[in-house]
Amino acid sequence: MPSITNQMQGEILVLGFTDTKILDSQKIEAVGRELQDAVDEAIHKRLLLNFRGVSFMSSAMITKLVMLNKRCKAQGVALKFCEVSPNVMEVFKITKLNKLFDIQDGEERALASFDKKGWFS
């Protein structure tokens, strides 16, 4: 069974998680592989990771997200996160990853933010 869902919203590949808690090492490895594969599937170079329903994740999963961000940058894929729960956001803030990741509130706002150019648009 896949660990993530994916669907196209226009030119943006939207990924979601199938689990609310991502703690098990086997599950994390599966999610990591699927996320890395999704970078190659993002033919329009736009990838949105929706955290809807995810309440907890282990530090190993956060490492997978950092690796995903690195791979996206290397391949010129714009990566954004949305609908991050308060628990997960707190971890991002403590680790200062909220500065690394482009985190938007809702999916609709995140999708629209791909078309914005610069600070004032």
PDB file of N, CA and C in Angstrom:
ATOM      1  N   MET A   1       0.839  -1.193   0.000  1.00  0.00           N
ATOM      2  CA  MET A   1       0.000   0.000   0.000  1.00  0.00           C
ATOM      3  C   MET A   1       0.880   1.250   0.000  1.00  0.00           C
ATOM      4  N   PRO A   2       0.576   2.208  -0.870  1.00  0.00           N
ATOM      5  CA  PRO A   2       1.388   3.427  -0.915  1.00  0.00           C
ATOM      6  C   PRO A   2       1.306   4.208   0.399  1.00  0.00           C
ATOM      7  N   SER A   3       2.392   4.900   0.700  1.00  0.00           N
ATOM      8  CA  SER A   3       2.459   5.709   1.913  1.00  0.00           C
ATOM      9  C   SER A   3       2.055   7.149   1.651  1.00  0.00           C
ATOM     10  N   ILE A   4       2.061   7.522   0.360  1.00  0.00           N
ATOM     11  CA  ILE A   4       1.642   8.872  -0.006  1.00  0.00           C
ATOM     12  C   ILE A   4       0.651   8.782  -1.159  1.00  0.00           C
ATOM     13  N   THR A   5      -0.169   9.811  -1.261  1.00  0.00           N
ATOM     14  CA  THR A   5      -1.087   9.932  -2.391  1.00  0.00           C
ATOM     15  C   THR A   5      -0.528  10.997  -3.314  1.00  0.00           C
ATOM     16  N   ASN A   6      -0.894  10.933  -4.578  1.00  0.00           N
ATOM     17  CA  ASN A   6      -0.488  12.010  -5.465  1.00  0.00           C
ATOM     18  C   ASN A   6      -1.571  12.281  -6.491  1.00  0.00           C
ATOM     19  N   GLN A   7      -1.693  13.553  -6.841  1.00  0.00           N
ATOM     20  CA  GLN A   7      -2.647  13.977  -7.860  1.00  0.00           C
ATOM     21  C   GLN A   7      -2.145  15.271  -8.470  1.00  0.00           C
ATOM     22  N   MET A   8      -2.501  15.487  -9.697  1.00  0.00           N
ATOM     23  CA  MET A   8      -2.128  16.723 -10.379  1.00  0.00           C
ATOM     24  C   MET A   8      -3.212  17.762 -10.160  1.00  0.00           C
ATOM     25  N   GLN A   9      -2.794  18.975  -9.806  1.00  0.00           N
ATOM     26  CA  GLN A   9      -3.674  20.143  -9.727  1.00  0.00           C
ATOM     27  C   GLN A   9      -3.109  21.127 -10.746  1.00  0.00           C
ATOM     28  N   GLY A  10      -3.619  21.100 -11.950  1.00  0.00           N
ATOM     29  CA  GLY A  10      -3.030  21.912 -13.007  1.00  0.00           C
ATOM     30  C   GLY A  10      -1.632  21.386 -13.303  1.00  0.00           C
ATOM     31  N   GLU A  11      -0.640  22.237 -13.141  1.00  0.00           N
ATOM     32  CA  GLU A  11       0.749  21.846 -13.398  1.00  0.00           C
ATOM     33  C   GLU A  11       1.500  21.473 -12.113  1.00  0.00           C
ATOM     34  N   ILE A  12       0.779  21.336 -11.014  1.00  0.00           N
ATOM     35  CA  ILE A  12       1.417  21.084  -9.713  1.00  0.00           C
ATOM     36  C   ILE A  12       1.097  19.664  -9.250  1.00  0.00           C
ATOM     37  N   LEU A  13       2.132  18.919  -8.883  1.00  0.00           N
ATOM     38  CA  LEU A  13       1.948  17.585  -8.323  1.00  0.00           C
ATOM     39  C   LEU A  13       1.734  17.738  -6.820  1.00  0.00           C
ATOM     40  N   VAL A  14       0.552  17.334  -6.347  1.00  0.00           N
ATOM     41  CA  VAL A  14       0.198  17.461  -4.929  1.00  0.00           C
ATOM     42  C   VAL A  14       0.313  16.085  -4.275  1.00  0.00           C
ATOM     43  N   LEU A  15       1.127  16.014  -3.231  1.00  0.00           N
ATOM     44  CA  LEU A  15       1.317  14.775  -2.482  1.00  0.00           C
ATOM     45  C   LEU A  15       0.669  14.903  -1.114  1.00  0.00           C
ATOM     46  N   GLY A  16       0.141  13.802  -0.616  1.00  0.00           N
ATOM     47  CA  GLY A  16      -0.431  13.764   0.719  1.00  0.00           C
ATOM     48  C   GLY A  16       0.011  12.487   1.413  1.00  0.00           C
ATOM     49  N   PHE A  17      -0.117  12.460   2.708  1.00  0.00           N
ATOM     50  CA  PHE A  17       0.278  11.296   3.496  1.00  0.00           C
ATOM     51  C   PHE A  17      -0.954  10.435   3.801  1.00  0.00           C
ATOM     52  N   THR A  18      -0.770   9.123   3.851  1.00  0.00           N
ATOM     53  CA  THR A  18      -1.879   8.224   4.164  1.00  0.00           C
ATOM     54  C   THR A  18      -1.960   7.931   5.663  1.00  0.00           C
ATOM     55  N   ASP A  19      -0.933   8.286   6.432  1.00  0.00           N
ATOM     56  CA  ASP A  19      -0.911   8.021   7.877  1.00  0.00           C
ATOM     57  C   ASP A  19      -0.940   9.325   8.660  1.00  0.00           C
ATOM     58  N   THR A  20      -1.511   9.260   9.871  1.00  0.00           N
ATOM     59  CA  THR A  20      -1.539  10.445  10.729  1.00  0.00           C
ATOM     60  C   THR A  20      -0.273  10.544  11.580  1.00  0.00           C
ATOM     61  N   LYS A  21       0.349   9.403  11.850  1.00  0.00           N
ATOM     62  CA  LYS A  21       1.597   9.381  12.626  1.00  0.00           C
ATOM     63  C   LYS A  21       2.645   8.631  11.816  1.00  0.00           C
ATOM     64  N   ILE A  22       3.760   9.303  11.568  1.00  0.00           N
ATOM     65  CA  ILE A  22       4.821   8.693  10.764  1.00  0.00           C
ATOM     66  C   ILE A  22       6.002   8.456  11.701  1.00  0.00           C
ATOM     67  N   LEU A  23       5.988   7.282  12.319  1.00  0.00           N
ATOM     68  CA  LEU A  23       6.962   6.975  13.370  1.00  0.00           C
ATOM     69  C   LEU A  23       7.754   5.698  13.082  1.00  0.00           C
ATOM     70  N   ASP A  24       7.148   4.723  12.427  1.00  0.00           N
ATOM     71  CA  ASP A  24       7.754   3.427  12.174  1.00  0.00           C
ATOM     72  C   ASP A  24       8.872   3.535  11.130  1.00  0.00           C
ATOM     73  N   SER A  25      10.019   2.922  11.396  1.00  0.00           N
ATOM     74  CA  SER A  25      11.176   3.066  10.505  1.00  0.00           C
ATOM     75  C   SER A  25      10.913   2.496   9.112  1.00  0.00           C
ATOM     76  N   GLN A  26      10.191   1.397   9.020  1.00  0.00           N
ATOM     77  CA  GLN A  26       9.874   0.840   7.697  1.00  0.00           C
ATOM     78  C   GLN A  26       8.974   1.776   6.916  1.00  0.00           C
ATOM     79  N   LYS A  27       7.999   2.353   7.595  1.00  0.00           N
ATOM     80  CA  LYS A  27       7.086   3.305   6.950  1.00  0.00           C
ATOM     81  C   LYS A  27       7.848   4.544   6.483  1.00  0.00           C
ATOM     82  N   ILE A  28       8.778   5.005   7.317  1.00  0.00           N
ATOM     83  CA  ILE A  28       9.563   6.195   6.969  1.00  0.00           C
ATOM     84  C   ILE A  28      10.412   5.930   5.737  1.00  0.00           C
ATOM     85  N   GLU A  29      11.014   4.749   5.652  1.00  0.00           N
ATOM     86  CA  GLU A  29      11.809   4.396   4.468  1.00  0.00           C
ATOM     87  C   GLU A  29      10.929   4.381   3.220  1.00  0.00           C
ATOM     88  N   ALA A  30       9.727   3.811   3.341  1.00  0.00           N
ATOM     89  CA  ALA A  30       8.800   3.755   2.207  1.00  0.00           C
ATOM     90  C   ALA A  30       8.390   5.167   1.777  1.00  0.00           C
ATOM     91  N   VAL A  31       8.035   5.999   2.752  1.00  0.00           N
ATOM     92  CA  VAL A  31       7.658   7.379   2.446  1.00  0.00           C
ATOM     93  C   VAL A  31       8.822   8.104   1.783  1.00  0.00           C
ATOM     94  N   GLY A  32      10.018   7.932   2.323  1.00  0.00           N
ATOM     95  CA  GLY A  32      11.203   8.575   1.757  1.00  0.00           C
ATOM     96  C   GLY A  32      11.417   8.204   0.301  1.00  0.00           C
ATOM     97  N   ARG A  33      11.295   6.918  -0.017  1.00  0.00           N
ATOM     98  CA  ARG A  33      11.454   6.465  -1.408  1.00  0.00           C
ATOM     99  C   ARG A  33      10.374   7.079  -2.300  1.00  0.00           C
ATOM    100  N   GLU A  34       9.139   7.059  -1.823  1.00  0.00           N
ATOM    101  CA  GLU A  34       8.044   7.591  -2.624  1.00  0.00           C
ATOM    102  C   GLU A  34       8.188   9.102  -2.856  1.00  0.00           C
ATOM    103  N   LEU A  35       8.659   9.818  -1.852  1.00  0.00           N
ATOM    104  CA  LEU A  35       8.882  11.262  -2.010  1.00  0.00           C
ATOM    105  C   LEU A  35       9.996  11.536  -3.016  1.00  0.00           C
ATOM    106  N   GLN A  36      11.072  10.783  -2.928  1.00  0.00           N
ATOM    107  CA  GLN A  36      12.184  10.963  -3.875  1.00  0.00           C
ATOM    108  C   GLN A  36      11.722  10.665  -5.309  1.00  0.00           C
ATOM    109  N   ASP A  37      10.931   9.598  -5.472  1.00  0.00           N
ATOM    110  CA  ASP A  37      10.402   9.259  -6.798  1.00  0.00           C
ATOM    111  C   ASP A  37       9.486  10.359  -7.328  1.00  0.00           C
ATOM    112  N   ALA A  38       8.756  11.000  -6.433  1.00  0.00           N
ATOM    113  CA  ALA A  38       7.819  12.053  -6.840  1.00  0.00           C
ATOM    114  C   ALA A  38       8.540  13.243  -7.457  1.00  0.00           C
ATOM    115  N   VAL A  39       9.777  13.479  -7.041  1.00  0.00           N
ATOM    116  CA  VAL A  39      10.539  14.591  -7.617  1.00  0.00           C
ATOM    117  C   VAL A  39      10.678  14.366  -9.125  1.00  0.00           C
ATOM    118  N   ASP A  40      10.935  13.118  -9.530  1.00  0.00           N
ATOM    119  CA  ASP A  40      11.058  12.806 -10.951  1.00  0.00           C
ATOM    120  C   ASP A  40       9.710  12.909 -11.666  1.00  0.00           C
ATOM    121  N   GLU A  41       8.615  12.685 -10.939  1.00  0.00           N
ATOM    122  CA  GLU A  41       7.275  12.751 -11.523  1.00  0.00           C
ATOM    123  C   GLU A  41       6.777  14.186 -11.680  1.00  0.00           C
ATOM    124  N   ALA A  42       7.418  15.135 -11.029  1.00  0.00           N
ATOM    125  CA  ALA A  42       6.984  16.538 -11.079  1.00  0.00           C
ATOM    126  C   ALA A  42       7.468  17.153 -12.391  1.00  0.00           C
ATOM    127  N   ILE A  43       6.785  16.800 -13.479  1.00  0.00           N
ATOM    128  CA  ILE A  43       7.248  17.195 -14.809  1.00  0.00           C
ATOM    129  C   ILE A  43       7.224  18.708 -15.016  1.00  0.00           C
ATOM    130  N   HIS A  44       6.374  19.412 -14.285  1.00  0.00           N
ATOM    131  CA  HIS A  44       6.305  20.869 -14.412  1.00  0.00           C
ATOM    132  C   HIS A  44       7.150  21.563 -13.346  1.00  0.00           C
ATOM    133  N   LYS A  45       7.931  20.759 -12.612  1.00  0.00           N
ATOM    134  CA  LYS A  45       8.873  21.293 -11.607  1.00  0.00           C
ATOM    135  C   LYS A  45       8.187  22.016 -10.461  1.00  0.00           C
ATOM    136  N   ARG A  46       6.985  21.542 -10.092  1.00  0.00           N
ATOM    137  CA  ARG A  46       6.240  22.120  -8.975  1.00  0.00           C
ATOM    138  C   ARG A  46       5.677  20.983  -8.133  1.00  0.00           C
ATOM    139  N   LEU A  47       6.032  20.990  -6.847  1.00  0.00           N
ATOM    140  CA  LEU A  47       5.645  19.903  -5.952  1.00  0.00           C
ATOM    141  C   LEU A  47       5.102  20.493  -4.654  1.00  0.00           C
ATOM    142  N   LEU A  48       3.899  20.062  -4.277  1.00  0.00           N
ATOM    143  CA  LEU A  48       3.272  20.522  -3.040  1.00  0.00           C
ATOM    144  C   LEU A  48       3.048  19.316  -2.139  1.00  0.00           C
ATOM    145  N   LEU A  49       3.559  19.396  -0.935  1.00  0.00           N
ATOM    146  CA  LEU A  49       3.409  18.324   0.045  1.00  0.00           C
ATOM    147  C   LEU A  49       2.388  18.773   1.083  1.00  0.00           C
ATOM    148  N   ASN A  50       1.209  18.119   1.070  1.00  0.00           N
ATOM    149  CA  ASN A  50       0.121  18.484   1.978  1.00  0.00           C
ATOM    150  C   ASN A  50       0.180  17.579   3.211  1.00  0.00           C
ATOM    151  N   PHE A  51       0.317  18.189   4.370  1.00  0.00           N
ATOM    152  CA  PHE A  51       0.437  17.463   5.639  1.00  0.00           C
ATOM    153  C   PHE A  51      -0.908  17.262   6.325  1.00  0.00           C
ATOM    154  N   ARG A  52      -2.022  17.448   5.619  1.00  0.00           N
ATOM    155  CA  ARG A  52      -3.356  17.305   6.204  1.00  0.00           C
ATOM    156  C   ARG A  52      -3.459  15.965   6.934  1.00  0.00           C
ATOM    157  N   GLY A  53      -3.841  16.020   8.198  1.00  0.00           N
ATOM    158  CA  GLY A  53      -4.036  14.806   8.978  1.00  0.00           C
ATOM    159  C   GLY A  53      -2.799  14.287   9.690  1.00  0.00           C
ATOM    160  N   VAL A  54      -1.624  14.787   9.353  1.00  0.00           N
ATOM    161  CA  VAL A  54      -0.401  14.300  10.007  1.00  0.00           C
ATOM    162  C   VAL A  54      -0.230  15.038  11.324  1.00  0.00           C
ATOM    163  N   SER A  55      -0.261  14.293  12.425  1.00  0.00           N
ATOM    164  CA  SER A  55      -0.144  14.929  13.732  1.00  0.00           C
ATOM    165  C   SER A  55       1.238  14.741  14.355  1.00  0.00           C
ATOM    166  N   PHE A  56       1.918  13.668  14.006  1.00  0.00           N
ATOM    167  CA  PHE A  56       3.257  13.403  14.555  1.00  0.00           C
ATOM    168  C   PHE A  56       4.144  12.784  13.492  1.00  0.00           C
ATOM    169  N   MET A  57       5.432  13.092  13.587  1.00  0.00           N
ATOM    170  CA  MET A  57       6.419  12.415  12.751  1.00  0.00           C
ATOM    171  C   MET A  57       7.731  12.362  13.512  1.00  0.00           C
ATOM    172  N   SER A  58       8.494  11.328  13.264  1.00  0.00           N
ATOM    173  CA  SER A  58       9.754  11.151  13.977  1.00  0.00           C
ATOM    174  C   SER A  58      10.849  12.014  13.362  1.00  0.00           C
ATOM    175  N   SER A  59      11.954  12.115  14.073  1.00  0.00           N
ATOM    176  CA  SER A  59      13.092  12.879  13.561  1.00  0.00           C
ATOM    177  C   SER A  59      13.641  12.252  12.280  1.00  0.00           C
ATOM    178  N   ALA A  60      13.515  10.928  12.153  1.00  0.00           N
ATOM    179  CA  ALA A  60      13.961  10.265  10.927  1.00  0.00           C
ATOM    180  C   ALA A  60      13.131  10.739   9.732  1.00  0.00           C
ATOM    181  N   MET A  61      11.846  10.997   9.936  1.00  0.00           N
ATOM    182  CA  MET A  61      10.997  11.500   8.854  1.00  0.00           C
ATOM    183  C   MET A  61      11.381  12.926   8.500  1.00  0.00           C
ATOM    184  N   ILE A  62      11.741  13.702   9.495  1.00  0.00           N
ATOM    185  CA  ILE A  62      12.173  15.080   9.229  1.00  0.00           C
ATOM    186  C   ILE A  62      13.446  15.068   8.393  1.00  0.00           C
ATOM    187  N   THR A  63      14.326  14.119   8.669  1.00  0.00           N
ATOM    188  CA  THR A  63      15.532  13.960   7.853  1.00  0.00           C
ATOM    189  C   THR A  63      15.158  13.682   6.402  1.00  0.00           C
ATOM    190  N   LYS A  64      14.142  12.852   6.185  1.00  0.00           N
ATOM    191  CA  LYS A  64      13.678  12.556   4.815  1.00  0.00           C
ATOM    192  C   LYS A  64      13.167  13.824   4.132  1.00  0.00           C
ATOM    193  N   LEU A  65      12.512  14.695   4.881  1.00  0.00           N
ATOM    194  CA  LEU A  65      12.018  15.943   4.303  1.00  0.00           C
ATOM    195  C   LEU A  65      13.169  16.865   3.909  1.00  0.00           C
ATOM    196  N   VAL A  66      14.209  16.905   4.722  1.00  0.00           N
ATOM    197  CA  VAL A  66      15.392  17.713   4.397  1.00  0.00           C
ATOM    198  C   VAL A  66      16.046  17.163   3.126  1.00  0.00           C
ATOM    199  N   MET A  67      16.135  15.835   3.025  1.00  0.00           N
ATOM    200  CA  MET A  67      16.715  15.215   1.830  1.00  0.00           C
ATOM    201  C   MET A  67      15.850  15.501   0.598  1.00  0.00           C
ATOM    202  N   LEU A  68      14.529  15.494   0.774  1.00  0.00           N
ATOM    203  CA  LEU A  68      13.624  15.826  -0.323  1.00  0.00           C
ATOM    204  C   LEU A  68      13.866  17.257  -0.784  1.00  0.00           C
ATOM    205  N   ASN A  69      13.982  18.176   0.154  1.00  0.00           N
ATOM    206  CA  ASN A  69      14.228  19.576  -0.171  1.00  0.00           C
ATOM    207  C   ASN A  69      15.533  19.724  -0.963  1.00  0.00           C
ATOM    208  N   LYS A  70      16.553  19.011  -0.534  1.00  0.00           N
ATOM    209  CA  LYS A  70      17.855  19.067  -1.203  1.00  0.00           C
ATOM    210  C   LYS A  70      17.748  18.546  -2.644  1.00  0.00           C
ATOM    211  N   ARG A  71      17.041  17.435  -2.818  1.00  0.00           N
ATOM    212  CA  ARG A  71      16.884  16.860  -4.154  1.00  0.00           C
ATOM    213  C   ARG A  71      16.075  17.796  -5.051  1.00  0.00           C
ATOM    214  N   CYS A  72      15.029  18.403  -4.508  1.00  0.00           N
ATOM    215  CA  CYS A  72      14.241  19.353  -5.293  1.00  0.00           C
ATOM    216  C   CYS A  72      15.096  20.513  -5.762  1.00  0.00           C
ATOM    217  N   LYS A  73      15.891  21.061  -4.874  1.00  0.00           N
ATOM    218  CA  LYS A  73      16.767  22.180  -5.241  1.00  0.00           C
ATOM    219  C   LYS A  73      17.736  21.763  -6.347  1.00  0.00           C
ATOM    220  N   ALA A  74      18.322  20.577  -6.224  1.00  0.00           N
ATOM    221  CA  ALA A  74      19.280  20.085  -7.205  1.00  0.00           C
ATOM    222  C   ALA A  74      18.640  19.907  -8.580  1.00  0.00           C
ATOM    223  N   GLN A  75      17.355  19.556  -8.611  1.00  0.00           N
ATOM    224  CA  GLN A  75      16.674  19.307  -9.875  1.00  0.00           C
ATOM    225  C   GLN A  75      15.801  20.476 -10.335  1.00  0.00           C
ATOM    226  N   GLY A  76      15.869  21.593  -9.624  1.00  0.00           N
ATOM    227  CA  GLY A  76      15.109  22.770 -10.020  1.00  0.00           C
ATOM    228  C   GLY A  76      13.611  22.641  -9.827  1.00  0.00           C
ATOM    229  N   VAL A  77      13.187  21.844  -8.845  1.00  0.00           N
ATOM    230  CA  VAL A  77      11.769  21.642  -8.557  1.00  0.00           C
ATOM    231  C   VAL A  77      11.374  22.555  -7.389  1.00  0.00           C
ATOM    232  N   ALA A  78      10.336  23.357  -7.594  1.00  0.00           N
ATOM    233  CA  ALA A  78       9.815  24.206  -6.516  1.00  0.00           C
ATOM    234  C   ALA A  78       9.027  23.319  -5.555  1.00  0.00           C
ATOM    235  N   LEU A  79       9.389  23.361  -4.276  1.00  0.00           N
ATOM    236  CA  LEU A  79       8.749  22.538  -3.251  1.00  0.00           C
ATOM    237  C   LEU A  79       8.088  23.429  -2.216  1.00  0.00           C
ATOM    238  N   LYS A  80       6.830  23.137  -1.915  1.00  0.00           N
ATOM    239  CA  LYS A  80       6.112  23.860  -0.870  1.00  0.00           C
ATOM    240  C   LYS A  80       5.385  22.857   0.008  1.00  0.00           C
ATOM    241  N   PHE A  81       5.170  23.236   1.263  1.00  0.00           N
ATOM    242  CA  PHE A  81       4.404  22.433   2.215  1.00  0.00           C
ATOM    243  C   PHE A  81       3.129  23.206   2.554  1.00  0.00           C
ATOM    244  N   CYS A  82       2.069  22.470   2.908  1.00  0.00           N
ATOM    245  CA  CYS A  82       0.863  23.142   3.381  1.00  0.00           C
ATOM    246  C   CYS A  82       0.147  22.278   4.405  1.00  0.00           C
ATOM    247  N   GLU A  83      -0.774  22.933   5.125  1.00  0.00           N
ATOM    248  CA  GLU A  83      -1.619  22.296   6.136  1.00  0.00           C
ATOM    249  C   GLU A  83      -0.806  21.517   7.177  1.00  0.00           C
ATOM    250  N   VAL A  84       0.270  22.141   7.622  1.00  0.00           N
ATOM    251  CA  VAL A  84       1.127  21.540   8.646  1.00  0.00           C
ATOM    252  C   VAL A  84       0.459  21.722  10.008  1.00  0.00           C
ATOM    253  N   SER A  85       0.292  20.631  10.756  1.00  0.00           N
ATOM    254  CA  SER A  85      -0.367  20.684  12.065  1.00  0.00           C
ATOM    255  C   SER A  85       0.483  21.484  13.055  1.00  0.00           C
ATOM    256  N   PRO A  86      -0.144  22.021  14.100  1.00  0.00           N
ATOM    257  CA  PRO A  86       0.620  22.758  15.113  1.00  0.00           C
ATOM    258  C   PRO A  86       1.760  21.929  15.722  1.00  0.00           C
ATOM    259  N   ASN A  87       1.535  20.633  15.959  1.00  0.00           N
ATOM    260  CA  ASN A  87       2.592  19.783  16.531  1.00  0.00           C
ATOM    261  C   ASN A  87       3.802  19.699  15.614  1.00  0.00           C
ATOM    262  N   VAL A  88       3.552  19.461  14.336  1.00  0.00           N
ATOM    263  CA  VAL A  88       4.647  19.342  13.372  1.00  0.00           C
ATOM    264  C   VAL A  88       5.304  20.699  13.160  1.00  0.00           C
ATOM    265  N   MET A  89       4.506  21.757  13.102  1.00  0.00           N
ATOM    266  CA  MET A  89       5.066  23.102  12.929  1.00  0.00           C
ATOM    267  C   MET A  89       5.979  23.464  14.091  1.00  0.00           C
ATOM    268  N   GLU A  90       5.620  23.056  15.293  1.00  0.00           N
ATOM    269  CA  GLU A  90       6.458  23.328  16.467  1.00  0.00           C
ATOM    270  C   GLU A  90       7.831  22.680  16.301  1.00  0.00           C
ATOM    271  N   VAL A  91       7.852  21.467  15.793  1.00  0.00           N
ATOM    272  CA  VAL A  91       9.134  20.785  15.544  1.00  0.00           C
ATOM    273  C   VAL A  91       9.925  21.539  14.479  1.00  0.00           C
ATOM    274  N   PHE A  92       9.249  21.985  13.416  1.00  0.00           N
ATOM    275  CA  PHE A  92       9.937  22.753  12.370  1.00  0.00           C
ATOM    276  C   PHE A  92      10.528  24.037  12.958  1.00  0.00           C
ATOM    277  N   LYS A  93       9.792  24.681  13.860  1.00  0.00           N
ATOM    278  CA  LYS A  93      10.295  25.925  14.468  1.00  0.00           C
ATOM    279  C   LYS A  93      11.480  25.661  15.384  1.00  0.00           C
ATOM    280  N   ILE A  94      11.392  24.619  16.206  1.00  0.00           N
ATOM    281  CA  ILE A  94      12.488  24.292  17.125  1.00  0.00           C
ATOM    282  C   ILE A  94      13.774  23.991  16.354  1.00  0.00           C
ATOM    283  N   THR A  95      13.621  23.287  15.235  1.00  0.00           N
ATOM    284  CA  THR A  95      14.787  22.908  14.432  1.00  0.00           C
ATOM    285  C   THR A  95      15.148  23.973  13.390  1.00  0.00           C
ATOM    286  N   LYS A  96      14.390  25.054  13.371  1.00  0.00           N
ATOM    287  CA  LYS A  96      14.561  26.160  12.433  1.00  0.00           C
ATOM    288  C   LYS A  96      14.310  25.758  10.980  1.00  0.00           C
ATOM    289  N   LEU A  97      13.667  24.625  10.786  1.00  0.00           N
ATOM    290  CA  LEU A  97      13.345  24.182   9.429  1.00  0.00           C
ATOM    291  C   LEU A  97      12.207  24.985   8.823  1.00  0.00           C
ATOM    292  N   ASN A  98      11.463  25.713   9.654  1.00  0.00           N
ATOM    293  CA  ASN A  98      10.426  26.586   9.112  1.00  0.00           C
ATOM    294  C   ASN A  98      11.046  27.694   8.262  1.00  0.00           C
ATOM    295  N   LYS A  99      12.343  27.947   8.445  1.00  0.00           N
ATOM    296  CA  LYS A  99      13.064  28.929   7.620  1.00  0.00           C
ATOM    297  C   LYS A  99      13.529  28.296   6.309  1.00  0.00           C
ATOM    298  N   LEU A 100      13.759  26.993   6.327  1.00  0.00           N
ATOM    299  CA  LEU A 100      14.232  26.274   5.138  1.00  0.00           C
ATOM    300  C   LEU A 100      13.078  25.948   4.193  1.00  0.00           C
ATOM    301  N   PHE A 101      11.972  25.466   4.750  1.00  0.00           N
ATOM    302  CA  PHE A 101      10.846  25.036   3.943  1.00  0.00           C
ATOM    303  C   PHE A 101       9.898  26.197   3.660  1.00  0.00           C
ATOM    304  N   ASP A 102       9.284  26.179   2.486  1.00  0.00           N
ATOM    305  CA  ASP A 102       8.248  27.149   2.134  1.00  0.00           C
ATOM    306  C   ASP A 102       6.924  26.557   2.602  1.00  0.00           C
ATOM    307  N   ILE A 103       6.421  27.052   3.736  1.00  0.00           N
ATOM    308  CA  ILE A 103       5.223  26.484   4.364  1.00  0.00           C
ATOM    309  C   ILE A 103       4.067  27.461   4.212  1.00  0.00           C
ATOM    310  N   GLN A 104       2.988  26.985   3.587  1.00  0.00           N
ATOM    311  CA  GLN A 104       1.780  27.782   3.364  1.00  0.00           C
ATOM    312  C   GLN A 104       0.663  27.249   4.255  1.00  0.00           C
ATOM    313  N   ASP A 105      -0.358  28.077   4.484  1.00  0.00           N
ATOM    314  CA  ASP A 105      -1.470  27.662   5.353  1.00  0.00           C
ATOM    315  C   ASP A 105      -2.302  26.554   4.725  1.00  0.00           C
ATOM    316  N   GLY A 106      -3.091  26.876   3.747  1.00  0.00           N
ATOM    317  CA  GLY A 106      -4.001  25.913   3.135  1.00  0.00           C
ATOM    318  C   GLY A 106      -3.541  25.509   1.749  1.00  0.00           C
ATOM    319  N   GLU A 107      -4.149  24.448   1.245  1.00  0.00           N
ATOM    320  CA  GLU A 107      -3.749  23.950  -0.079  1.00  0.00           C
ATOM    321  C   GLU A 107      -4.036  24.968  -1.179  1.00  0.00           C
ATOM    322  N   GLU A 108      -5.187  25.619  -1.107  1.00  0.00           N
ATOM    323  CA  GLU A 108      -5.542  26.594  -2.136  1.00  0.00           C
ATOM    324  C   GLU A 108      -4.528  27.740  -2.193  1.00  0.00           C
ATOM    325  N   ARG A 109      -4.155  28.253  -1.031  1.00  0.00           N
ATOM    326  CA  ARG A 109      -3.171  29.343  -0.963  1.00  0.00           C
ATOM    327  C   ARG A 109      -1.806  28.855  -1.458  1.00  0.00           C
ATOM    328  N   ALA A 110      -1.451  27.630  -1.087  1.00  0.00           N
ATOM    329  CA  ALA A 110      -0.169  27.074  -1.518  1.00  0.00           C
ATOM    330  C   ALA A 110      -0.124  26.917  -3.029  1.00  0.00           C
ATOM    331  N   LEU A 111      -1.208  26.413  -3.620  1.00  0.00           N
ATOM    332  CA  LEU A 111      -1.260  26.259  -5.080  1.00  0.00           C
ATOM    333  C   LEU A 111      -1.104  27.616  -5.764  1.00  0.00           C
ATOM    334  N   ALA A 112      -1.804  28.638  -5.253  1.00  0.00           N
ATOM    335  CA  ALA A 112      -1.729  29.980  -5.837  1.00  0.00           C
ATOM    336  C   ALA A 112      -0.336  30.584  -5.678  1.00  0.00           C
ATOM    337  N   SER A 113       0.374  30.218  -4.606  1.00  0.00           N
ATOM    338  CA  SER A 113       1.682  30.829  -4.338  1.00  0.00           C
ATOM    339  C   SER A 113       2.740  30.397  -5.350  1.00  0.00           C
ATOM    340  N   PHE A 114       2.503  29.313  -6.087  1.00  0.00           N
ATOM    341  CA  PHE A 114       3.465  28.903  -7.113  1.00  0.00           C
ATOM    342  C   PHE A 114       3.541  29.919  -8.249  1.00  0.00           C
ATOM    343  N   ASP A 115       2.465  30.671  -8.463  1.00  0.00           N
ATOM    344  CA  ASP A 115       2.432  31.619  -9.566  1.00  0.00           C
ATOM    345  C   ASP A 115       2.944  32.999  -9.192  1.00  0.00           C
ATOM    346  N   LYS A 116       3.204  33.220  -7.921  1.00  0.00           N
ATOM    347  CA  LYS A 116       3.682  34.531  -7.483  1.00  0.00           C
ATOM    348  C   LYS A 116       5.152  34.691  -7.834  1.00  0.00           C
ATOM    349  N   LYS A 117       5.489  35.889  -8.277  1.00  0.00           N
ATOM    350  CA  LYS A 117       6.867  36.195  -8.633  1.00  0.00           C
ATOM    351  C   LYS A 117       7.346  37.343  -7.740  1.00  0.00           C
ATOM    352  N   GLY A 118       8.374  37.110  -6.999  1.00  0.00           N
ATOM    353  CA  GLY A 118       8.952  38.188  -6.194  1.00  0.00           C
ATOM    354  C   GLY A 118       8.116  38.532  -4.971  1.00  0.00           C
ATOM    355  N   TRP A 119       8.509  39.578  -4.292  1.00  0.00           N
ATOM    356  CA  TRP A 119       7.909  39.962  -3.019  1.00  0.00           C
ATOM    357  C   TRP A 119       6.565  40.638  -3.159  1.00  0.00           C
ATOM    358  N   PHE A 120       6.370  41.377  -4.229  1.00  0.00           N
ATOM    359  CA  PHE A 120       5.228  42.292  -4.292  1.00  0.00           C
ATOM    360  C   PHE A 120       4.118  41.815  -5.210  1.00  0.00           C
ATOM    361  N   SER A 121       4.157  40.566  -5.671  1.00  0.00           N
ATOM    362  CA  SER A 121       3.105  40.142  -6.592  1.00  0.00           C
ATOM    363  C   SER A 121       2.109  39.247  -5.909  1.00  0.00           C
TER     364      SER A 121
END
